[in-house]
Amino acid sequence: MVIVSNNVLILARTRMNNNHVCVGGYDLDSRRYVRLLTNTAENQDENSPYQVRQIYSMEYENRQNLVLPHCEDVCVQQSTMQRTL
């Protein structure tokens, strides 16, 4: 099931190993925290556009087979930056 949100605020971006980043956000429409993965359920590449304080219009799916503690994982299908706070 694809979830569409017009307001995902990027809260955190953390550098990881192997040229990846962990991107955390808050879906202002559904009032839930999300961790943004690629559409193939991988961590975002360091070239990912998501930056702290940006708000995106986004379509995402909840990740299948969640692995704790990452129960907020979602797979981004598409996104468009709306504005920066």
C-alpha atoms as a PDB file:
ATOM      1  CA  MET A   1       0.000   0.000   0.000  1.00  0.00           C
ATOM      2  CA  VAL A   2       1.421   3.381  -1.041  1.00  0.00           C
ATOM      3  CA  ILE A   3       1.063   6.240   1.420  1.00  0.00           C
ATOM      4  CA  VAL A   4       1.056   9.763   0.042  1.00  0.00           C
ATOM      5  CA  SER A   5       2.118  12.647   2.243  1.00  0.00           C
ATOM      6  CA  ASN A   6       2.539  16.268   1.280  1.00  0.00           C
ATOM      7  CA  ASN A   7       4.550  17.121   4.346  1.00  0.00           C
ATOM      8  CA  VAL A   8       7.519  14.989   5.372  1.00  0.00           C
ATOM      9  CA  LEU A   9       9.965  17.098   7.366  1.00  0.00           C
ATOM     10  CA  ILE A  10      13.584  15.875   7.327  1.00  0.00           C
ATOM     11  CA  LEU A  11      14.859  15.839  10.927  1.00  0.00           C
ATOM     12  CA  ALA A  12      18.200  14.037  10.722  1.00  0.00           C
ATOM     13  CA  ARG A  13      20.848  12.900   8.275  1.00  0.00           C
ATOM     14  CA  THR A  14      23.651  10.711   9.618  1.00  0.00           C
ATOM     15  CA  ARG A  15      26.703   9.506   7.718  1.00  0.00           C
ATOM     16  CA  MET A  16      27.103   5.713   7.645  1.00  0.00           C
ATOM     17  CA  ASN A  17      29.629   3.241   6.270  1.00  0.00           C
ATOM     18  CA  ASN A  18      29.947   2.453   2.565  1.00  0.00           C
ATOM     19  CA  ASN A  19      28.905   5.925   1.340  1.00  0.00           C
ATOM     20  CA  HIS A  20      25.393   5.732   2.752  1.00  0.00           C
ATOM     21  CA  VAL A  21      23.344   8.010   4.985  1.00  0.00           C
ATOM     22  CA  CYS A  22      20.522   7.366   7.436  1.00  0.00           C
ATOM     23  CA  VAL A  23      17.697   9.865   6.878  1.00  0.00           C
ATOM     24  CA  GLY A  24      15.043  10.376   9.524  1.00  0.00           C
ATOM     25  CA  GLY A  25      11.900  12.432   9.137  1.00  0.00           C
ATOM     26  CA  TYR A  26       8.465  13.163  10.495  1.00  0.00           C
ATOM     27  CA  ASP A  27       5.318  12.783   8.412  1.00  0.00           C
ATOM     28  CA  LEU A  28       3.320  15.845   9.429  1.00  0.00           C
ATOM     29  CA  ASP A  29       0.160  14.494   7.769  1.00  0.00           C
ATOM     30  CA  SER A  30       0.017  11.102   9.500  1.00  0.00           C
ATOM     31  CA  ARG A  31       1.945  12.266  12.594  1.00  0.00           C
ATOM     32  CA  ARG A  32       4.548   9.525  12.554  1.00  0.00           C
ATOM     33  CA  TYR A  33       8.310   9.253  12.449  1.00  0.00           C
ATOM     34  CA  VAL A  34       9.812   7.672   9.333  1.00  0.00           C
ATOM     35  CA  ARG A  35      13.266   6.474   8.303  1.00  0.00           C
ATOM     36  CA  LEU A  36      13.626   6.980   4.558  1.00  0.00           C
ATOM     37  CA  LEU A  37      14.979   4.046   2.572  1.00  0.00           C
ATOM     38  CA  THR A  38      15.245   3.678  -1.197  1.00  0.00           C
ATOM     39  CA  ASN A  39      12.467   1.983  -3.149  1.00  0.00           C
ATOM     40  CA  THR A  40      14.477  -1.266  -2.812  1.00  0.00           C
ATOM     41  CA  ALA A  41      14.656  -0.954   1.009  1.00  0.00           C
ATOM     42  CA  GLU A  42      18.316   0.092   1.104  1.00  0.00           C
ATOM     43  CA  ASN A  43      19.850   2.972   3.038  1.00  0.00           C
ATOM     44  CA  GLN A  44      20.039   6.215   1.096  1.00  0.00           C
ATOM     45  CA  ASP A  45      23.199   6.918  -0.886  1.00  0.00           C
ATOM     46  CA  GLU A  46      25.308   9.857   0.325  1.00  0.00           C
ATOM     47  CA  ASN A  47      24.176  11.737  -2.799  1.00  0.00           C
ATOM     48  CA  SER A  48      20.590  11.572  -1.568  1.00  0.00           C
ATOM     49  CA  PRO A  49      18.952  15.007  -1.797  1.00  0.00           C
ATOM     50  CA  TYR A  50      17.326  14.918   1.661  1.00  0.00           C
ATOM     51  CA  GLN A  51      18.667  17.618   3.982  1.00  0.00           C
ATOM     52  CA  VAL A  52      17.634  18.637   7.496  1.00  0.00           C
ATOM     53  CA  ARG A  53      14.804  21.234   7.603  1.00  0.00           C
ATOM     54  CA  GLN A  54      13.484  20.413   4.123  1.00  0.00           C
ATOM     55  CA  ILE A  55       9.841  19.447   3.602  1.00  0.00           C
ATOM     56  CA  TYR A  56       8.974  16.946   0.868  1.00  0.00           C
ATOM     57  CA  SER A  57       5.838  15.802  -0.863  1.00  0.00           C
ATOM     58  CA  MET A  58       6.361  12.051  -0.878  1.00  0.00           C
ATOM     59  CA  GLU A  59       4.926   8.676  -1.823  1.00  0.00           C
ATOM     60  CA  TYR A  60       6.217   5.797   0.280  1.00  0.00           C
ATOM     61  CA  GLU A  61       5.415   2.235   1.308  1.00  0.00           C
ATOM     62  CA  ASN A  62       5.915   0.710   4.724  1.00  0.00           C
ATOM     63  CA  ARG A  63       8.895  -1.645   4.625  1.00  0.00           C
ATOM     64  CA  GLN A  64       8.061  -5.333   4.626  1.00  0.00           C
ATOM     65  CA  ASN A  65       9.753  -7.548   7.236  1.00  0.00           C
ATOM     66  CA  LEU A  66      10.772  -4.780   9.623  1.00  0.00           C
ATOM     67  CA  VAL A  67      13.938  -5.378  11.627  1.00  0.00           C
ATOM     68  CA  LEU A  68      13.873  -3.815  15.093  1.00  0.00           C
ATOM     69  CA  PRO A  69      14.774  -1.235  16.205  1.00  0.00           C
ATOM     70  CA  HIS A  70      13.902   0.276  12.812  1.00  0.00           C
ATOM     71  CA  CYS A  71      10.132  -0.083  13.002  1.00  0.00           C
ATOM     72  CA  GLU A  72       9.701   3.281  11.234  1.00  0.00           C
ATOM     73  CA  ASP A  73      11.352   2.205   7.942  1.00  0.00           C
ATOM     74  CA  VAL A  74       9.587   3.258   4.748  1.00  0.00           C
ATOM     75  CA  CYS A  75      10.554   2.793   1.091  1.00  0.00           C
ATOM     76  CA  VAL A  76      10.331   6.070  -0.820  1.00  0.00           C
ATOM     77  CA  GLN A  77       8.741   5.652  -4.243  1.00  0.00           C
ATOM     78  CA  GLN A  78       8.999   9.299  -5.272  1.00  0.00           C
ATOM     79  CA  SER A  79       9.493  12.680  -3.648  1.00  0.00           C
ATOM     80  CA  THR A  80       9.541  16.372  -4.475  1.00  0.00           C
ATOM     81  CA  MET A  81      11.033  19.056  -2.284  1.00  0.00           C
ATOM     82  CA  GLN A  82       8.444  21.671  -1.328  1.00  0.00           C
ATOM     83  CA  ARG A  83      10.369  24.147   0.818  1.00  0.00           C
ATOM     84  CA  THR A  84      13.014  24.638   3.493  1.00  0.00           C
ATOM     85  CA  LEU A  85      12.206  25.834   7.002  1.00  0.00           C
END
